[in-house]
Amino acid sequence: MAESPEFYVSVLCDVFRPAASTIEDEEKDVSEGRRARARAGYEILSSFATLPGSSEQEVDKEALDSWAREVRRLSAAADRAKIGDQYLGRLLAHAPDDPEDQGWPHRHVRALIEDSHSGEVERGIMIERFNMRGVYGKELYEGGKQERELAAKYRGWSVTARPWPRTSEMLERIAKGWDEYAQDEDVRANQDLMRD
């Protein structure tokens, strides 16, 4: 899929109905084969984390930009612009750190975020970055220590990304999200302490 924006968007179309469709439209075409394609497509999209034009820590800006531009064009033509941008963001969330300034994401991804001017791309990145944390453990009564550490990391990246204002602001929003999680964890830890 990293080589073929057409295939990527065809999978997206198998999973998500057009924005202008209604439930009644969808119910007319709910064959078991269509359901199976949608399930398989969702699994493919969910596991796809290979940034087009990337290898190790390097990203080919031209290849990434070309792929993303074509995905956005094809998604819009298929009446799936919003979900296409969100899934593009989910993929960009897997970008490597930048080898020059050690910030995240890679500077070519920062440039793509700026050029796209899409809140949906940014939303997709933010959701995926929160989800990428995966399963985690905590010590008894630990509170929001881990979440505060994550907030600090994103805040540092936000400072590094200041020359890319949309990216910097998005990273600050992620940091604020981790701050909120930290406060929730503090409350939960205090409640547990009072119960014991």
N, C-alpha and C. Protein backbone atom coordinates (compact mmCIF):
# COMPACT_ATOMS: atom_id res chain seq x y z
N MET A 1 0.82 -1.19 0.00
CA MET A 1 0.00 0.00 0.00
C MET A 1 0.86 1.26 0.00
N ALA A 2 2.06 1.15 0.54
CA ALA A 2 2.96 2.31 0.56
C ALA A 2 3.41 2.67 -0.84
N GLU A 3 3.26 1.74 -1.78
CA GLU A 3 3.65 1.99 -3.16
C GLU A 3 2.46 2.39 -4.03
N SER A 4 1.24 2.14 -3.56
CA SER A 4 0.07 2.34 -4.41
C SER A 4 -1.03 3.11 -3.69
N PRO A 5 -1.12 4.41 -3.91
CA PRO A 5 -2.22 5.17 -3.32
C PRO A 5 -3.58 4.68 -3.81
N GLU A 6 -3.63 4.15 -5.04
CA GLU A 6 -4.89 3.64 -5.59
C GLU A 6 -5.39 2.45 -4.78
N PHE A 7 -4.48 1.52 -4.46
CA PHE A 7 -4.88 0.37 -3.67
C PHE A 7 -5.29 0.80 -2.26
N TYR A 8 -4.53 1.71 -1.67
CA TYR A 8 -4.85 2.21 -0.33
C TYR A 8 -6.26 2.79 -0.29
N VAL A 9 -6.60 3.62 -1.27
CA VAL A 9 -7.93 4.25 -1.28
C VAL A 9 -9.01 3.21 -1.61
N SER A 10 -8.69 2.21 -2.41
CA SER A 10 -9.70 1.17 -2.69
C SER A 10 -10.03 0.41 -1.40
N VAL A 11 -9.03 0.16 -0.56
CA VAL A 11 -9.29 -0.49 0.73
C VAL A 11 -10.12 0.44 1.62
N LEU A 12 -9.77 1.70 1.64
CA LEU A 12 -10.53 2.70 2.40
C LEU A 12 -12.00 2.69 1.96
N CYS A 13 -12.23 2.58 0.65
CA CYS A 13 -13.59 2.57 0.12
C CYS A 13 -14.33 1.28 0.49
N ASP A 14 -13.61 0.18 0.64
CA ASP A 14 -14.24 -1.06 1.09
C ASP A 14 -14.72 -0.96 2.53
N VAL A 15 -14.01 -0.18 3.33
CA VAL A 15 -14.30 -0.10 4.76
C VAL A 15 -15.33 0.99 5.08
N PHE A 16 -15.23 2.13 4.44
CA PHE A 16 -16.06 3.28 4.79
C PHE A 16 -16.96 3.67 3.63
N ARG A 17 -18.22 3.96 3.95
CA ARG A 17 -19.15 4.37 2.90
C ARG A 17 -18.91 5.84 2.56
N PRO A 18 -19.40 6.28 1.40
CA PRO A 18 -19.24 7.69 1.02
C PRO A 18 -19.91 8.61 2.04
N ALA A 19 -19.37 9.81 2.18
CA ALA A 19 -19.91 10.76 3.15
C ALA A 19 -21.36 11.10 2.86
N ALA A 20 -21.75 11.15 1.60
CA ALA A 20 -23.10 11.56 1.23
C ALA A 20 -24.11 10.40 1.29
N SER A 21 -23.66 9.19 1.56
CA SER A 21 -24.60 8.06 1.57
C SER A 21 -25.41 8.06 2.86
N THR A 22 -26.51 7.36 2.80
CA THR A 22 -27.39 7.23 3.97
C THR A 22 -27.37 5.78 4.42
N ILE A 23 -27.93 5.53 5.58
CA ILE A 23 -28.03 4.16 6.09
C ILE A 23 -28.84 3.30 5.12
N GLU A 24 -29.90 3.88 4.55
CA GLU A 24 -30.74 3.13 3.60
C GLU A 24 -29.93 2.72 2.37
N ASP A 25 -29.07 3.66 1.88
CA ASP A 25 -28.22 3.32 0.74
C ASP A 25 -27.31 2.16 1.08
N GLU A 26 -26.74 2.20 2.26
CA GLU A 26 -25.80 1.16 2.68
C GLU A 26 -26.49 -0.18 2.83
N GLU A 27 -27.71 -0.18 3.35
CA GLU A 27 -28.42 -1.44 3.58
C GLU A 27 -28.77 -2.16 2.29
N LYS A 28 -28.82 -1.43 1.17
CA LYS A 28 -29.12 -2.04 -0.12
C LYS A 28 -27.98 -2.93 -0.59
N ASP A 29 -26.77 -2.65 -0.14
CA ASP A 29 -25.59 -3.38 -0.61
C ASP A 29 -24.82 -3.96 0.57
N VAL A 30 -25.47 -4.87 1.30
CA VAL A 30 -24.84 -5.44 2.48
C VAL A 30 -24.68 -6.95 2.30
N SER A 31 -24.06 -7.34 1.22
CA SER A 31 -23.82 -8.75 1.00
C SER A 31 -22.76 -9.25 1.97
N GLU A 32 -22.72 -10.54 2.15
CA GLU A 32 -21.71 -11.12 3.04
C GLU A 32 -20.30 -10.87 2.50
N GLY A 33 -20.16 -10.88 1.18
CA GLY A 33 -18.86 -10.59 0.57
C GLY A 33 -18.40 -9.17 0.87
N ARG A 34 -19.35 -8.24 0.82
CA ARG A 34 -19.01 -6.84 1.13
C ARG A 34 -18.61 -6.69 2.59
N ARG A 35 -19.33 -7.38 3.46
CA ARG A 35 -18.97 -7.34 4.89
C ARG A 35 -17.58 -7.92 5.12
N ALA A 36 -17.28 -9.02 4.46
CA ALA A 36 -15.97 -9.66 4.61
C ALA A 36 -14.86 -8.73 4.11
N ARG A 37 -15.09 -8.07 2.96
CA ARG A 37 -14.10 -7.11 2.44
C ARG A 37 -13.90 -5.96 3.41
N ALA A 38 -15.00 -5.49 4.01
CA ALA A 38 -14.90 -4.38 4.97
C ALA A 38 -14.09 -4.80 6.20
N ARG A 39 -14.35 -6.01 6.70
CA ARG A 39 -13.60 -6.48 7.89
C ARG A 39 -12.11 -6.64 7.56
N ALA A 40 -11.84 -7.27 6.41
CA ALA A 40 -10.45 -7.47 6.02
C ALA A 40 -9.76 -6.12 5.76
N GLY A 41 -10.46 -5.21 5.12
CA GLY A 41 -9.91 -3.90 4.85
C GLY A 41 -9.59 -3.14 6.12
N TYR A 42 -10.49 -3.25 7.10
CA TYR A 42 -10.25 -2.57 8.37
C TYR A 42 -9.00 -3.11 9.04
N GLU A 43 -8.82 -4.42 9.01
CA GLU A 43 -7.61 -5.03 9.58
C GLU A 43 -6.36 -4.55 8.85
N ILE A 44 -6.44 -4.46 7.53
CA ILE A 44 -5.30 -3.99 6.75
C ILE A 44 -4.96 -2.55 7.10
N LEU A 45 -5.99 -1.68 7.12
CA LEU A 45 -5.74 -0.27 7.44
C LEU A 45 -5.21 -0.10 8.86
N SER A 46 -5.73 -0.88 9.78
CA SER A 46 -5.33 -0.76 11.19
C SER A 46 -3.89 -1.20 11.41
N SER A 47 -3.41 -2.14 10.61
CA SER A 47 -2.05 -2.65 10.81
C SER A 47 -1.03 -1.95 9.90
N PHE A 48 -1.48 -1.16 8.97
CA PHE A 48 -0.58 -0.51 8.03
C PHE A 48 0.13 0.66 8.72
N ALA A 49 1.44 0.54 8.86
CA ALA A 49 2.22 1.58 9.56
C ALA A 49 3.51 1.91 8.81
N THR A 50 3.57 1.56 7.54
CA THR A 50 4.77 1.83 6.74
C THR A 50 4.61 3.16 6.04
N LEU A 51 5.36 4.13 6.48
CA LEU A 51 5.28 5.46 5.90
C LEU A 51 5.86 5.43 4.49
N PRO A 52 5.07 5.80 3.48
CA PRO A 52 5.59 5.80 2.11
C PRO A 52 6.84 6.66 2.00
N GLY A 53 7.85 6.12 1.32
CA GLY A 53 9.09 6.85 1.14
C GLY A 53 10.02 6.81 2.34
N SER A 54 9.76 5.91 3.29
CA SER A 54 10.62 5.89 4.48
C SER A 54 11.48 4.63 4.52
N SER A 55 12.63 4.79 5.16
CA SER A 55 13.52 3.67 5.42
C SER A 55 14.35 4.03 6.64
N GLU A 56 14.29 3.17 7.66
CA GLU A 56 14.97 3.44 8.93
C GLU A 56 14.54 4.81 9.46
N GLN A 57 15.48 5.75 9.60
CA GLN A 57 15.17 7.08 10.13
C GLN A 57 14.98 8.12 9.03
N GLU A 58 15.11 7.73 7.78
CA GLU A 58 15.04 8.71 6.70
C GLU A 58 13.70 8.63 5.99
N VAL A 59 13.23 9.78 5.51
CA VAL A 59 11.97 9.88 4.80
C VAL A 59 12.24 10.62 3.49
N ASP A 60 11.81 10.02 2.39
CA ASP A 60 11.92 10.66 1.08
C ASP A 60 10.74 11.62 0.93
N LYS A 61 11.03 12.90 1.04
CA LYS A 61 9.98 13.93 1.03
C LYS A 61 9.15 13.87 -0.23
N GLU A 62 9.79 13.75 -1.37
CA GLU A 62 9.06 13.75 -2.65
C GLU A 62 8.12 12.54 -2.73
N ALA A 63 8.60 11.37 -2.35
CA ALA A 63 7.76 10.16 -2.41
C ALA A 63 6.58 10.27 -1.44
N LEU A 64 6.84 10.74 -0.23
CA LEU A 64 5.76 10.88 0.76
C LEU A 64 4.74 11.91 0.29
N ASP A 65 5.20 13.07 -0.15
CA ASP A 65 4.29 14.12 -0.60
C ASP A 65 3.44 13.66 -1.78
N SER A 66 4.06 12.98 -2.73
CA SER A 66 3.34 12.50 -3.91
C SER A 66 2.27 11.49 -3.52
N TRP A 67 2.64 10.54 -2.65
CA TRP A 67 1.70 9.52 -2.20
C TRP A 67 0.53 10.16 -1.45
N ALA A 68 0.82 11.05 -0.52
CA ALA A 68 -0.22 11.70 0.29
C ALA A 68 -1.13 12.56 -0.58
N ARG A 69 -0.56 13.29 -1.52
CA ARG A 69 -1.35 14.13 -2.41
C ARG A 69 -2.33 13.28 -3.22
N GLU A 70 -1.85 12.15 -3.73
CA GLU A 70 -2.71 11.28 -4.54
C GLU A 70 -3.79 10.61 -3.67
N VAL A 71 -3.43 10.20 -2.46
CA VAL A 71 -4.43 9.62 -1.55
C VAL A 71 -5.52 10.64 -1.26
N ARG A 72 -5.15 11.87 -1.00
CA ARG A 72 -6.14 12.91 -0.70
C ARG A 72 -7.02 13.18 -1.92
N ARG A 73 -6.42 13.20 -3.10
CA ARG A 73 -7.19 13.45 -4.33
C ARG A 73 -8.18 12.32 -4.58
N LEU A 74 -7.71 11.08 -4.49
CA LEU A 74 -8.58 9.93 -4.75
C LEU A 74 -9.66 9.79 -3.68
N SER A 75 -9.32 10.07 -2.43
CA SER A 75 -10.31 10.00 -1.35
C SER A 75 -11.42 11.03 -1.57
N ALA A 76 -11.03 12.22 -1.96
CA ALA A 76 -12.03 13.27 -2.23
C ALA A 76 -12.91 12.87 -3.42
N ALA A 77 -12.30 12.31 -4.47
CA ALA A 77 -13.07 11.90 -5.64
C ALA A 77 -14.06 10.78 -5.29
N ALA A 78 -13.73 9.97 -4.28
CA ALA A 78 -14.60 8.87 -3.86
C ALA A 78 -15.55 9.29 -2.73
N ASP A 79 -15.63 10.59 -2.45
CA ASP A 79 -16.49 11.14 -1.40
C ASP A 79 -16.10 10.59 -0.02
N ARG A 80 -14.80 10.49 0.19
CA ARG A 80 -14.29 10.02 1.47
C ARG A 80 -13.13 10.90 1.93
N ALA A 81 -13.23 12.19 1.66
CA ALA A 81 -12.14 13.13 1.97
C ALA A 81 -11.86 13.17 3.47
N LYS A 82 -12.90 13.26 4.29
CA LYS A 82 -12.70 13.39 5.73
C LYS A 82 -12.04 12.15 6.33
N ILE A 83 -12.58 11.00 6.04
CA ILE A 83 -12.01 9.76 6.59
C ILE A 83 -10.66 9.48 5.96
N GLY A 84 -10.48 9.86 4.69
CA GLY A 84 -9.17 9.71 4.04
C GLY A 84 -8.10 10.52 4.75
N ASP A 85 -8.43 11.77 5.12
CA ASP A 85 -7.48 12.59 5.85
C ASP A 85 -7.20 12.02 7.24
N GLN A 86 -8.24 11.52 7.91
CA GLN A 86 -8.02 10.95 9.24
C GLN A 86 -7.09 9.74 9.18
N TYR A 87 -7.29 8.89 8.18
CA TYR A 87 -6.43 7.71 8.07
C TYR A 87 -5.03 8.07 7.58
N LEU A 88 -4.92 9.12 6.80
CA LEU A 88 -3.59 9.62 6.45
C LEU A 88 -2.88 10.06 7.73
N GLY A 89 -3.59 10.76 8.59
CA GLY A 89 -3.02 11.17 9.88
C GLY A 89 -2.61 9.98 10.72
N ARG A 90 -3.45 8.95 10.76
CA ARG A 90 -3.10 7.75 11.54
C ARG A 90 -1.79 7.15 11.04
N LEU A 91 -1.60 7.16 9.73
CA LEU A 91 -0.36 6.63 9.17
C LEU A 91 0.82 7.54 9.52
N LEU A 92 0.65 8.85 9.40
CA LEU A 92 1.72 9.79 9.71
C LEU A 92 2.15 9.70 11.18
N ALA A 93 1.26 9.24 12.03
CA ALA A 93 1.59 9.08 13.46
C ALA A 93 2.73 8.09 13.67
N HIS A 94 3.00 7.26 12.68
CA HIS A 94 4.06 6.26 12.78
C HIS A 94 5.39 6.75 12.20
N ALA A 95 5.46 8.04 11.92
CA ALA A 95 6.69 8.62 11.37
C ALA A 95 7.84 8.48 12.37
N PRO A 96 9.06 8.39 11.86
CA PRO A 96 10.21 8.35 12.77
C PRO A 96 10.52 9.74 13.33
N ASP A 97 11.37 9.76 14.35
CA ASP A 97 11.91 11.03 14.85
C ASP A 97 12.78 11.64 13.75
N ASP A 98 13.03 12.91 13.86
CA ASP A 98 13.89 13.59 12.90
C ASP A 98 15.35 13.37 13.30
N PRO A 99 16.20 12.91 12.39
CA PRO A 99 17.59 12.65 12.76
C PRO A 99 18.39 13.92 13.03
N GLU A 100 17.95 15.07 12.52
CA GLU A 100 18.70 16.31 12.73
C GLU A 100 18.44 16.93 14.09
N ASP A 101 17.18 17.05 14.49
CA ASP A 101 16.87 17.73 15.76
C ASP A 101 16.28 16.79 16.82
N GLN A 102 16.18 15.49 16.52
CA GLN A 102 15.66 14.47 17.42
C GLN A 102 14.22 14.72 17.85
N GLY A 103 13.54 15.64 17.21
CA GLY A 103 12.13 15.89 17.49
C GLY A 103 11.25 14.91 16.74
N TRP A 104 10.01 14.83 17.17
CA TRP A 104 9.03 14.02 16.45
C TRP A 104 7.93 14.95 16.01
N PRO A 105 7.36 14.76 14.83
CA PRO A 105 7.72 13.78 13.80
C PRO A 105 8.87 14.29 12.94
N HIS A 106 9.28 13.45 12.01
CA HIS A 106 10.32 13.80 11.06
C HIS A 106 9.95 15.11 10.38
N ARG A 107 10.93 15.94 10.07
CA ARG A 107 10.68 17.27 9.49
C ARG A 107 9.89 17.21 8.18
N HIS A 108 10.04 16.14 7.39
CA HIS A 108 9.26 16.05 6.15
C HIS A 108 7.79 15.81 6.45
N VAL A 109 7.50 15.11 7.54
CA VAL A 109 6.11 14.92 7.96
C VAL A 109 5.57 16.24 8.50
N ARG A 110 6.38 16.98 9.23
CA ARG A 110 5.96 18.30 9.70
C ARG A 110 5.57 19.19 8.53
N ALA A 111 6.38 19.16 7.47
CA ALA A 111 6.08 19.97 6.28
C ALA A 111 4.78 19.53 5.64
N LEU A 112 4.53 18.22 5.60
CA LEU A 112 3.29 17.70 5.03
C LEU A 112 2.08 18.15 5.85
N ILE A 113 2.21 18.13 7.17
CA ILE A 113 1.13 18.60 8.04
C ILE A 113 0.83 20.07 7.74
N GLU A 114 1.86 20.87 7.61
CA GLU A 114 1.67 22.30 7.31
C GLU A 114 1.00 22.49 5.96
N ASP A 115 1.46 21.74 4.97
CA ASP A 115 0.94 21.90 3.61
C ASP A 115 -0.50 21.40 3.48
N SER A 116 -0.87 20.40 4.26
CA SER A 116 -2.21 19.82 4.12
C SER A 116 -3.29 20.74 4.68
N HIS A 117 -2.96 21.57 5.66
CA HIS A 117 -3.95 22.47 6.29
C HIS A 117 -5.22 21.69 6.65
N SER A 118 -5.07 20.52 7.25
CA SER A 118 -6.22 19.67 7.52
C SER A 118 -6.32 19.30 9.00
N GLY A 119 -7.36 19.78 9.61
CA GLY A 119 -7.64 19.39 10.99
C GLY A 119 -7.89 17.90 11.11
N GLU A 120 -8.42 17.28 10.05
CA GLU A 120 -8.68 15.83 10.08
C GLU A 120 -7.39 15.03 10.07
N VAL A 121 -6.39 15.48 9.31
CA VAL A 121 -5.08 14.81 9.34
C VAL A 121 -4.52 14.91 10.76
N GLU A 122 -4.59 16.10 11.35
CA GLU A 122 -4.07 16.29 12.71
C GLU A 122 -4.85 15.45 13.71
N ARG A 123 -6.16 15.37 13.55
CA ARG A 123 -6.98 14.55 14.45
C ARG A 123 -6.56 13.08 14.37
N GLY A 124 -6.33 12.60 13.14
CA GLY A 124 -5.89 11.22 12.96
C GLY A 124 -4.55 10.95 13.64
N ILE A 125 -3.62 11.89 13.52
CA ILE A 125 -2.32 11.75 14.18
C ILE A 125 -2.51 11.69 15.69
N MET A 126 -3.28 12.61 16.22
CA MET A 126 -3.47 12.69 17.68
C MET A 126 -4.10 11.41 18.23
N ILE A 127 -5.15 10.93 17.59
CA ILE A 127 -5.82 9.71 18.06
C ILE A 127 -4.87 8.53 18.03
N GLU A 128 -4.15 8.39 16.93
CA GLU A 128 -3.23 7.25 16.81
C GLU A 128 -2.09 7.34 17.82
N ARG A 129 -1.57 8.53 18.07
CA ARG A 129 -0.48 8.66 19.05
C ARG A 129 -0.96 8.27 20.44
N PHE A 130 -2.18 8.64 20.81
CA PHE A 130 -2.70 8.20 22.10
C PHE A 130 -2.87 6.68 22.11
N ASN A 131 -3.39 6.12 21.03
CA ASN A 131 -3.61 4.68 20.96
C ASN A 131 -2.30 3.89 20.93
N MET A 132 -1.25 4.48 20.40
CA MET A 132 0.04 3.78 20.28
C MET A 132 0.66 3.46 21.65
N ARG A 133 0.17 4.11 22.68
CA ARG A 133 0.71 3.80 24.02
C ARG A 133 0.48 2.34 24.35
N GLY A 134 -0.64 1.80 23.93
CA GLY A 134 -0.93 0.39 24.16
C GLY A 134 -1.18 0.08 25.62
N VAL A 135 -0.95 -1.16 25.98
CA VAL A 135 -1.17 -1.64 27.34
C VAL A 135 -0.03 -1.14 28.23
N TYR A 136 -0.35 -0.72 29.42
CA TYR A 136 0.67 -0.22 30.33
C TYR A 136 0.31 -0.62 31.75
N GLY A 137 1.29 -0.63 32.62
CA GLY A 137 1.07 -0.96 34.03
C GLY A 137 1.41 0.24 34.91
N LYS A 138 0.87 0.20 36.12
CA LYS A 138 1.13 1.28 37.08
C LYS A 138 1.39 0.67 38.45
N GLU A 139 2.21 1.39 39.22
CA GLU A 139 2.40 1.01 40.61
C GLU A 139 1.18 1.46 41.41
N LEU A 140 0.98 0.85 42.55
CA LEU A 140 -0.13 1.21 43.41
C LEU A 140 -0.02 2.67 43.82
N TYR A 141 -1.09 3.43 43.66
CA TYR A 141 -1.19 4.86 44.02
C TYR A 141 -0.23 5.74 43.22
N GLU A 142 0.20 5.29 42.07
CA GLU A 142 1.16 6.04 41.27
C GLU A 142 0.59 7.35 40.74
N GLY A 143 -0.67 7.36 40.42
CA GLY A 143 -1.25 8.58 39.86
C GLY A 143 -0.79 8.83 38.44
N GLY A 144 -0.70 10.09 38.06
CA GLY A 144 -0.44 10.48 36.68
C GLY A 144 1.02 10.70 36.31
N LYS A 145 1.94 10.08 37.02
CA LYS A 145 3.37 10.29 36.75
C LYS A 145 3.74 9.96 35.30
N GLN A 146 3.31 8.80 34.81
CA GLN A 146 3.65 8.40 33.44
C GLN A 146 3.07 9.37 32.42
N GLU A 147 1.84 9.79 32.66
CA GLU A 147 1.17 10.70 31.73
C GLU A 147 1.85 12.07 31.72
N ARG A 148 2.33 12.52 32.88
CA ARG A 148 3.05 13.80 32.93
C ARG A 148 4.37 13.71 32.16
N GLU A 149 5.02 12.55 32.24
CA GLU A 149 6.26 12.35 31.47
C GLU A 149 5.97 12.40 29.97
N LEU A 150 4.86 11.79 29.55
CA LEU A 150 4.48 11.84 28.14
C LEU A 150 4.16 13.28 27.73
N ALA A 151 3.44 14.00 28.58
CA ALA A 151 3.11 15.41 28.29
C ALA A 151 4.38 16.22 28.12
N ALA A 152 5.36 16.00 28.99
CA ALA A 152 6.63 16.75 28.90
C ALA A 152 7.36 16.44 27.60
N LYS A 153 7.33 15.16 27.18
CA LYS A 153 7.99 14.77 25.93
C LYS A 153 7.34 15.49 24.75
N TYR A 154 6.00 15.48 24.69
CA TYR A 154 5.31 16.15 23.58
C TYR A 154 5.50 17.66 23.63
N ARG A 155 5.56 18.22 24.83
CA ARG A 155 5.79 19.66 24.95
C ARG A 155 7.19 20.02 24.42
N GLY A 156 8.17 19.19 24.70
CA GLY A 156 9.51 19.41 24.17
C GLY A 156 9.53 19.34 22.65
N TRP A 157 8.81 18.36 22.10
CA TRP A 157 8.72 18.26 20.65
C TRP A 157 8.00 19.47 20.06
N SER A 158 7.02 19.98 20.78
CA SER A 158 6.30 21.16 20.33
C SER A 158 7.24 22.36 20.19
N VAL A 159 8.14 22.50 21.15
CA VAL A 159 9.13 23.58 21.09
C VAL A 159 10.05 23.38 19.89
N THR A 160 10.52 22.16 19.69
CA THR A 160 11.40 21.86 18.55
C THR A 160 10.71 22.17 17.22
N ALA A 161 9.39 21.92 17.17
CA ALA A 161 8.63 22.08 15.92
C ALA A 161 8.10 23.50 15.69
N ARG A 162 8.53 24.47 16.48
CA ARG A 162 7.99 25.84 16.33
C ARG A 162 8.08 26.40 14.92
N PRO A 163 9.13 26.08 14.15
CA PRO A 163 9.15 26.58 12.76
C PRO A 163 8.00 26.02 11.90
N TRP A 164 7.31 24.99 12.40
CA TRP A 164 6.16 24.39 11.74
C TRP A 164 4.95 24.61 12.66
N PRO A 165 4.29 25.76 12.57
CA PRO A 165 3.31 26.16 13.59
C PRO A 165 2.13 25.20 13.77
N ARG A 166 1.58 24.65 12.71
CA ARG A 166 0.45 23.71 12.87
C ARG A 166 0.91 22.46 13.63
N THR A 167 2.09 21.98 13.28
CA THR A 167 2.63 20.80 13.93
C THR A 167 2.91 21.10 15.40
N SER A 168 3.52 22.22 15.68
CA SER A 168 3.83 22.61 17.05
C SER A 168 2.56 22.69 17.89
N GLU A 169 1.52 23.30 17.32
CA GLU A 169 0.26 23.44 18.07
C GLU A 169 -0.41 22.08 18.29
N MET A 170 -0.34 21.21 17.29
CA MET A 170 -0.89 19.86 17.43
C MET A 170 -0.18 19.10 18.55
N LEU A 171 1.15 19.21 18.59
CA LEU A 171 1.92 18.54 19.64
C LEU A 171 1.57 19.10 21.01
N GLU A 172 1.33 20.38 21.10
CA GLU A 172 0.91 20.99 22.37
C GLU A 172 -0.46 20.47 22.79
N ARG A 173 -1.36 20.26 21.81
CA ARG A 173 -2.69 19.70 22.14
C ARG A 173 -2.54 18.26 22.67
N ILE A 174 -1.62 17.51 22.09
CA ILE A 174 -1.38 16.15 22.59
C ILE A 174 -0.85 16.23 24.02
N ALA A 175 0.07 17.14 24.27
CA ALA A 175 0.62 17.31 25.63
C ALA A 175 -0.50 17.65 26.61
N LYS A 176 -1.40 18.53 26.23
CA LYS A 176 -2.52 18.89 27.10
C LYS A 176 -3.43 17.69 27.35
N GLY A 177 -3.60 16.86 26.34
CA GLY A 177 -4.39 15.63 26.52
C GLY A 177 -3.75 14.72 27.56
N TRP A 178 -2.43 14.59 27.52
CA TRP A 178 -1.74 13.77 28.53
C TRP A 178 -1.83 14.42 29.90
N ASP A 179 -1.80 15.76 29.96
CA ASP A 179 -2.00 16.45 31.24
C ASP A 179 -3.36 16.09 31.84
N GLU A 180 -4.39 16.07 31.01
CA GLU A 180 -5.74 15.72 31.48
C GLU A 180 -5.79 14.28 31.98
N TYR A 181 -5.16 13.36 31.23
CA TYR A 181 -5.09 11.97 31.68
C TYR A 181 -4.36 11.89 33.02
N ALA A 182 -3.29 12.67 33.18
CA ALA A 182 -2.53 12.66 34.43
C ALA A 182 -3.41 13.09 35.60
N GLN A 183 -4.20 14.12 35.41
CA GLN A 183 -5.10 14.57 36.47
C GLN A 183 -6.12 13.49 36.82
N ASP A 184 -6.66 12.83 35.80
CA ASP A 184 -7.61 11.73 36.05
C ASP A 184 -6.96 10.61 36.85
N GLU A 185 -5.71 10.29 36.50
CA GLU A 185 -4.99 9.22 37.21
C GLU A 185 -4.69 9.64 38.65
N ASP A 186 -4.41 10.92 38.88
CA ASP A 186 -4.19 11.40 40.24
C ASP A 186 -5.46 11.24 41.08
N VAL A 187 -6.59 11.60 40.50
CA VAL A 187 -7.87 11.45 41.21
C VAL A 187 -8.13 9.99 41.51
N ARG A 188 -7.91 9.12 40.54
CA ARG A 188 -8.14 7.69 40.74
C ARG A 188 -7.23 7.14 41.84
N ALA A 189 -5.96 7.56 41.85
CA ALA A 189 -5.02 7.09 42.87
C ALA A 189 -5.45 7.56 44.26
N ASN A 190 -5.90 8.81 44.35
CA ASN A 190 -6.37 9.34 45.64
C ASN A 190 -7.61 8.61 46.12
N GLN A 191 -8.51 8.29 45.21
CA GLN A 191 -9.71 7.53 45.58
C GLN A 191 -9.33 6.15 46.09
N ASP A 192 -8.39 5.49 45.39
CA ASP A 192 -7.94 4.17 45.82
C ASP A 192 -7.27 4.23 47.20
N LEU A 193 -6.48 5.27 47.42
CA LEU A 193 -5.81 5.44 48.71
C LEU A 193 -6.81 5.62 49.83
N MET A 194 -7.87 6.39 49.59
CA MET A 194 -8.89 6.61 50.61
C MET A 194 -9.70 5.36 50.90
N ARG A 195 -9.88 4.49 49.88
CA ARG A 195 -10.63 3.25 50.07
C ARG A 195 -9.84 2.23 50.88
N ASP A 196 -8.51 2.27 50.74
CA ASP A 196 -7.66 1.26 51.42
C ASP A 196 -7.40 1.59 52.87
